[in-house]
Amino acid sequence: MAMATTSAVKRQAVGTQPEDAAADAERATPPDPDDVGAVPQGPEVDEPDSTAADEPDQPDHPRPAAGSRAGWLRPGVVVLALVVGLLVGYAVALLTQGGEETPGETSPEAGFARDMSIHHAQAVEMGLIAFERATLPGVRQLGYDIATNQQGQIGMMQQWLTEWGLMPTGVEPPMAWMPEGTDALVDGLMPGMANAEEINALREAEGEEVDRLFLHLMLYHHLGGIHMAEGILKQSDHPHVTAAAELMLVNQQYEVEVIQDLQRELEAAQE
C-alpha cells in the first residue's frame, strides 16, 4: 500500500580550487601577525592534491533530475517484479491451505477467485501503462504498486483453484456467485471494468492525458473491486478467502483516496 514519489537532488559544488601562490601575492597583502595572533610553525609537509581534496567522491550513477525517467525501474525489472509477485501469490496460497472444506465448482469462493483474477488482470495492464508513460511521479508510483500487488493476488487466487481441483474458468457467467451479481454487468463486463474503447484510449494517450485517463478509469475499477470484495465477505467463511478479500478491501479503499488526491494535483498543475 505504500505510496512514494521521486524528488530531485540538487548538487552543490563543494570546495574551491586554491588560488595560485603568485597570484595571491599580487592581489593581497598577508595579514599582520599582531592582528591575528602568532601561528606556530610545524614541520613541512607535502601539499595534498588540491583536486582530490576539494572534489568529493561522486557516485558512479548520479540520481536523475526532477521528472527524469532514468530513476525509475527498467521495464525488465518491472516484468521480473510481476513474475515474483505471481510466484509469491502461489506460495502464500500453498502455505495457507489447511483443513477447511474444499469449495466446489459453483461456490462463491470459486466464482470470486475466477472473476477477481480477470478483474485484477485489467488493473495490471492499466497500472503498467501508467508506470511507463504517466507524467506525475505519484501516478507512475501508483501504477507500479497496483500492477505488482494485484499480479501477486492473481497468483494466489489461481493457486486456490488448483488446490481445489478446479479450472481457472468455470461454466457460470461472471458475477453469478454473488446475489443479483449478473445485474451489475455492463455489456458483459464486471463492475468497474473499462470497455475496449476506454482501454484503447489509454493505450494511445500521451502526456498528461495518460495521467487523467488512468486515474479516471482506475477510480471506477477500484470501486467495482471493492463491491466484489464486500460481496464475498458476506457469503464466505473460508478463512483464506476472507483474509484476502479484507486485504483487497483495505488496499483499494486507501488507493481510492490516493487517486482522488492525484486528480486534484493534476488539475492544479493544469491551471
Protein backbone atom coordinates (compact mmCIF):
# COMPACT_ATOMS: atom_id res chain seq x y z
CA MET A 1 0.00 0.00 0.00
CA ALA A 2 2.88 2.07 0.18
CA MET A 3 2.78 5.18 -1.98
CA ALA A 4 6.05 7.24 -2.89
CA THR A 5 7.23 9.98 -5.25
CA THR A 6 10.68 10.79 -6.63
CA SER A 7 12.40 14.04 -5.73
CA ALA A 8 15.19 15.96 -7.37
CA VAL A 9 18.56 16.10 -5.73
CA LYS A 10 20.38 19.35 -6.17
CA ARG A 11 24.13 19.09 -6.06
CA GLN A 12 26.14 21.95 -4.64
CA ALA A 13 29.74 22.48 -5.54
CA VAL A 14 31.94 21.55 -2.60
CA GLY A 15 35.22 23.33 -2.09
CA THR A 16 37.07 25.69 -4.43
CA GLN A 17 40.41 25.45 -6.10
CA PRO A 18 43.16 27.29 -4.17
CA GLU A 19 44.47 30.45 -5.76
CA ASP A 20 47.89 30.32 -7.33
CA ALA A 21 50.51 31.49 -4.82
CA ALA A 22 51.99 34.05 -7.18
CA ALA A 23 48.59 35.49 -7.97
CA ASP A 24 47.79 35.72 -4.25
CA ALA A 25 50.97 37.70 -3.66
CA GLU A 26 49.98 40.22 -6.32
CA ARG A 27 46.35 40.62 -5.24
CA ALA A 28 46.56 40.51 -1.44
CA THR A 29 48.85 41.54 1.42
CA PRO A 30 49.39 38.92 4.16
CA PRO A 31 47.60 39.83 7.41
CA ASP A 32 49.56 41.40 10.24
CA PRO A 33 50.53 38.67 12.75
CA ASP A 34 49.80 41.13 15.56
CA ASP A 35 46.15 41.21 14.44
CA VAL A 36 45.53 37.50 14.06
CA GLY A 37 47.94 36.10 16.62
CA ALA A 38 51.07 34.03 16.16
CA VAL A 39 50.66 30.81 14.26
CA PRO A 40 53.01 28.03 15.41
CA GLN A 41 55.16 26.65 12.66
CA GLY A 42 55.22 22.91 12.16
CA PRO A 43 57.35 20.68 10.00
CA GLU A 44 56.98 20.98 6.29
CA VAL A 45 54.56 18.54 4.73
CA ASP A 46 53.79 17.82 1.12
CA GLU A 47 50.88 19.80 -0.23
CA PRO A 48 47.91 17.48 -0.91
CA ASP A 49 46.49 17.22 -4.38
CA SER A 50 44.02 20.13 -4.47
CA THR A 51 41.72 18.41 -6.93
CA ALA A 52 41.42 15.27 -4.81
CA ALA A 53 40.95 17.29 -1.61
CA ASP A 54 38.34 19.68 -2.93
CA GLU A 55 36.16 17.42 -5.00
CA PRO A 56 34.01 14.88 -3.09
CA ASP A 57 33.66 11.37 -4.37
CA GLN A 58 30.76 11.17 -6.77
CA PRO A 59 28.63 8.04 -7.13
CA ASP A 60 29.01 6.13 -10.35
CA HIS A 61 25.29 6.57 -11.07
CA PRO A 62 24.07 10.04 -10.02
CA ARG A 63 20.39 10.47 -9.29
CA PRO A 64 18.30 11.90 -12.12
CA ALA A 65 16.92 15.40 -12.13
CA ALA A 66 13.26 16.05 -11.36
CA GLY A 67 10.90 14.48 -13.85
CA SER A 68 13.59 12.24 -15.32
CA ARG A 69 12.50 8.74 -16.27
CA ALA A 70 16.04 7.41 -15.66
CA GLY A 71 15.44 6.95 -11.96
CA TRP A 72 12.51 4.59 -12.48
CA LEU A 73 12.80 0.86 -12.72
CA ARG A 74 13.64 -0.54 -16.13
CA PRO A 75 10.86 -2.43 -17.95
CA GLY A 76 12.76 -5.70 -17.48
CA VAL A 77 12.84 -5.13 -13.73
CA VAL A 78 9.10 -4.47 -13.72
CA VAL A 79 8.44 -7.71 -15.56
CA LEU A 80 10.63 -9.52 -13.04
CA ALA A 81 8.68 -7.90 -10.19
CA LEU A 82 5.41 -9.10 -11.71
CA VAL A 83 6.72 -12.64 -12.05
CA VAL A 84 8.00 -12.58 -8.47
CA GLY A 85 4.62 -11.26 -7.31
CA LEU A 86 2.86 -14.08 -9.12
CA LEU A 87 5.14 -16.69 -7.54
CA VAL A 88 4.73 -15.14 -4.10
CA GLY A 89 0.97 -15.35 -4.54
CA TYR A 90 1.22 -19.03 -5.39
CA ALA A 91 3.50 -19.63 -2.38
CA VAL A 92 1.16 -17.82 0.02
CA ALA A 93 -1.77 -19.88 -1.21
CA LEU A 94 0.18 -23.12 -0.77
CA LEU A 95 1.29 -22.26 2.74
CA THR A 96 -2.18 -21.25 3.90
CA GLN A 97 -4.05 -24.32 2.70
CA GLY A 98 -5.36 -26.20 5.69
CA GLY A 99 -8.22 -28.43 6.75
CA GLU A 100 -11.03 -26.19 5.52
CA GLU A 101 -13.86 -27.59 3.43
CA THR A 102 -12.89 -27.50 -0.23
CA PRO A 103 -15.03 -25.05 -2.26
CA GLY A 104 -16.90 -26.58 -5.18
CA GLU A 105 -17.33 -25.66 -8.83
CA THR A 106 -20.25 -23.28 -8.30
CA SER A 107 -19.21 -21.99 -4.87
CA PRO A 108 -18.94 -18.27 -4.15
CA GLU A 109 -15.23 -18.76 -3.41
CA ALA A 110 -14.54 -20.29 -6.82
CA GLY A 111 -16.57 -17.62 -8.61
CA PHE A 112 -14.81 -14.84 -6.71
CA ALA A 113 -11.34 -16.25 -7.43
CA ARG A 114 -12.08 -16.56 -11.15
CA ASP A 115 -13.79 -13.20 -11.59
CA MET A 116 -11.38 -11.23 -9.44
CA SER A 117 -8.43 -12.70 -11.33
CA ILE A 118 -9.89 -11.30 -14.57
CA HIS A 119 -10.72 -8.00 -12.87
CA HIS A 120 -7.18 -7.74 -11.49
CA ALA A 121 -5.61 -8.56 -14.87
CA GLN A 122 -7.09 -5.40 -16.38
CA ALA A 123 -5.80 -3.36 -13.44
CA VAL A 124 -2.32 -4.79 -14.00
CA GLU A 125 -2.38 -3.69 -17.65
CA MET A 126 -3.57 -0.19 -16.80
CA GLY A 127 -1.03 0.08 -13.98
CA LEU A 128 1.84 -0.77 -16.32
CA ILE A 129 0.71 1.84 -18.83
CA ALA A 130 0.66 4.47 -16.09
CA PHE A 131 4.02 3.37 -14.74
CA GLU A 132 5.66 3.64 -18.15
CA ARG A 133 4.06 6.82 -19.53
CA ALA A 134 2.36 8.99 -16.88
CA THR A 135 3.83 12.43 -16.23
CA LEU A 136 3.27 12.76 -12.46
CA PRO A 137 5.68 10.74 -10.29
CA GLY A 138 2.82 9.86 -7.94
CA VAL A 139 0.78 8.40 -10.79
CA ARG A 140 3.72 6.33 -12.00
CA GLN A 141 4.28 5.01 -8.47
CA LEU A 142 0.60 4.17 -8.05
CA GLY A 143 0.62 2.31 -11.37
CA TYR A 144 3.62 0.26 -10.28
CA ASP A 145 2.07 -0.55 -6.90
CA ILE A 146 -1.23 -1.66 -8.41
CA ALA A 147 0.43 -3.79 -11.10
CA THR A 148 2.77 -5.64 -8.74
CA ASN A 149 0.31 -6.08 -5.86
CA GLN A 150 -2.56 -7.32 -7.97
CA GLN A 151 -0.33 -9.63 -10.03
CA GLY A 152 0.65 -11.33 -6.79
CA GLN A 153 -3.00 -11.67 -5.80
CA ILE A 154 -3.80 -13.26 -9.17
CA GLY A 155 -1.17 -15.91 -8.43
CA MET A 156 -2.71 -16.54 -5.03
CA MET A 157 -6.25 -16.96 -6.39
CA GLN A 158 -5.13 -19.20 -9.24
CA GLN A 159 -3.34 -21.42 -6.74
CA TRP A 160 -6.55 -21.69 -4.71
CA LEU A 161 -8.34 -23.02 -7.77
CA THR A 162 -5.55 -25.54 -8.40
CA GLU A 163 -5.68 -26.76 -4.80
CA TRP A 164 -9.47 -27.07 -5.00
CA GLY A 165 -9.19 -29.18 -8.14
CA LEU A 166 -10.94 -26.52 -10.26
CA MET A 167 -10.21 -24.97 -13.64
CA PRO A 168 -9.26 -21.28 -13.98
CA THR A 169 -12.53 -20.70 -15.84
CA GLY A 170 -15.97 -22.01 -14.95
CA VAL A 171 -19.27 -22.70 -16.65
CA GLU A 172 -21.24 -19.93 -14.96
CA PRO A 173 -21.41 -16.32 -16.22
CA PRO A 174 -19.41 -13.58 -14.49
CA MET A 175 -20.72 -12.46 -11.11
CA ALA A 176 -23.15 -15.40 -10.86
CA TRP A 177 -21.60 -16.25 -7.48
CA MET A 178 -22.97 -13.02 -5.99
CA PRO A 179 -26.70 -12.47 -5.35
CA GLU A 180 -28.06 -10.42 -8.24
CA GLY A 181 -24.46 -10.10 -9.35
CA THR A 182 -25.26 -10.53 -13.04
CA ASP A 183 -27.45 -7.41 -12.82
CA ALA A 184 -24.26 -5.42 -12.19
CA LEU A 185 -22.74 -6.44 -15.54
CA VAL A 186 -22.42 -3.70 -18.15
CA ASP A 187 -22.01 -5.04 -21.67
CA GLY A 188 -20.82 -8.28 -20.11
CA LEU A 189 -18.13 -6.54 -18.03
CA MET A 190 -17.80 -6.85 -14.27
CA PRO A 191 -18.32 -3.77 -12.06
CA GLY A 192 -15.80 -1.01 -12.69
CA MET A 193 -14.06 -2.63 -15.65
CA ALA A 194 -13.13 -0.41 -18.59
CA ASN A 195 -14.51 -1.30 -22.00
CA ALA A 196 -12.37 -1.91 -25.08
CA GLU A 197 -12.73 1.68 -26.31
CA GLU A 198 -11.56 3.09 -22.98
CA ILE A 199 -8.59 0.73 -22.77
CA ASN A 200 -7.55 1.62 -26.33
CA ALA A 201 -7.79 5.32 -25.49
CA LEU A 202 -5.45 4.79 -22.52
CA ARG A 203 -3.02 2.79 -24.64
CA GLU A 204 -2.85 5.57 -27.24
CA ALA A 205 -2.82 8.53 -24.83
CA GLU A 206 0.21 10.77 -24.42
CA GLY A 207 1.43 13.26 -21.83
CA GLU A 208 -0.97 14.36 -19.11
CA GLU A 209 -3.83 12.57 -20.88
CA VAL A 210 -2.27 9.31 -19.67
CA ASP A 211 -2.48 10.54 -16.06
CA ARG A 212 -6.04 11.80 -16.46
CA LEU A 213 -7.42 8.68 -18.15
CA PHE A 214 -5.62 6.26 -15.84
CA LEU A 215 -6.86 7.98 -12.67
CA HIS A 216 -10.42 8.21 -14.03
CA LEU A 217 -10.58 4.56 -15.13
CA MET A 218 -8.81 3.19 -12.07
CA LEU A 219 -11.12 5.05 -9.69
CA TYR A 220 -14.15 3.24 -11.09
CA HIS A 221 -12.19 0.00 -11.39
CA HIS A 222 -11.33 0.10 -7.69
CA LEU A 223 -14.91 0.91 -6.72
CA GLY A 224 -16.00 -2.17 -8.64
CA GLY A 225 -13.33 -4.26 -6.94
CA ILE A 226 -14.46 -3.00 -3.53
CA HIS A 227 -18.03 -4.05 -4.38
CA MET A 228 -16.82 -7.57 -5.26
CA ALA A 229 -14.66 -7.91 -2.14
CA GLU A 230 -17.59 -6.85 0.06
CA GLY A 231 -19.75 -9.39 -1.77
CA ILE A 232 -17.55 -12.39 -0.98
CA LEU A 233 -17.16 -11.29 2.65
CA LYS A 234 -20.95 -11.53 3.02
CA GLN A 235 -21.06 -15.09 1.66
CA SER A 236 -17.87 -16.89 2.61
CA ASP A 237 -16.35 -18.02 5.88
CA HIS A 238 -13.34 -19.64 4.24
CA PRO A 239 -10.51 -18.09 6.30
CA HIS A 240 -8.00 -17.61 3.48
CA VAL A 241 -10.55 -16.22 1.04
CA THR A 242 -11.97 -13.79 3.57
CA ALA A 243 -8.49 -12.71 4.71
CA ALA A 244 -7.51 -11.95 1.11
CA ALA A 245 -10.77 -10.11 0.44
CA GLU A 246 -10.31 -7.98 3.54
CA LEU A 247 -6.79 -7.07 2.41
CA MET A 248 -8.05 -6.15 -1.07
CA LEU A 249 -10.78 -4.04 0.51
CA VAL A 250 -8.38 -2.08 2.71
CA ASN A 251 -5.85 -1.65 -0.11
CA GLN A 252 -8.32 -0.42 -2.67
CA GLN A 253 -10.15 1.90 -0.28
CA TYR A 254 -6.82 3.51 0.54
CA GLU A 255 -5.86 3.77 -3.13
CA VAL A 256 -9.19 5.44 -3.94
CA GLU A 257 -8.10 8.27 -1.64
CA VAL A 258 -4.69 8.38 -3.31
CA ILE A 259 -6.34 8.57 -6.74
CA GLN A 260 -8.53 11.47 -5.66
CA ASP A 261 -5.52 13.33 -4.26
CA LEU A 262 -3.63 12.79 -7.53
CA GLN A 263 -6.61 14.02 -9.54
CA ARG A 264 -6.53 17.26 -7.55
CA GLU A 265 -2.77 17.53 -8.06
CA LEU A 266 -3.18 17.04 -11.80
CA GLU A 267 -5.91 19.69 -12.00
CA ALA A 268 -3.73 22.17 -10.10
CA ALA A 269 -0.81 21.52 -12.47
CA GLN A 270 -3.02 22.23 -15.49
CA GLU A 271 -4.26 25.60 -14.19
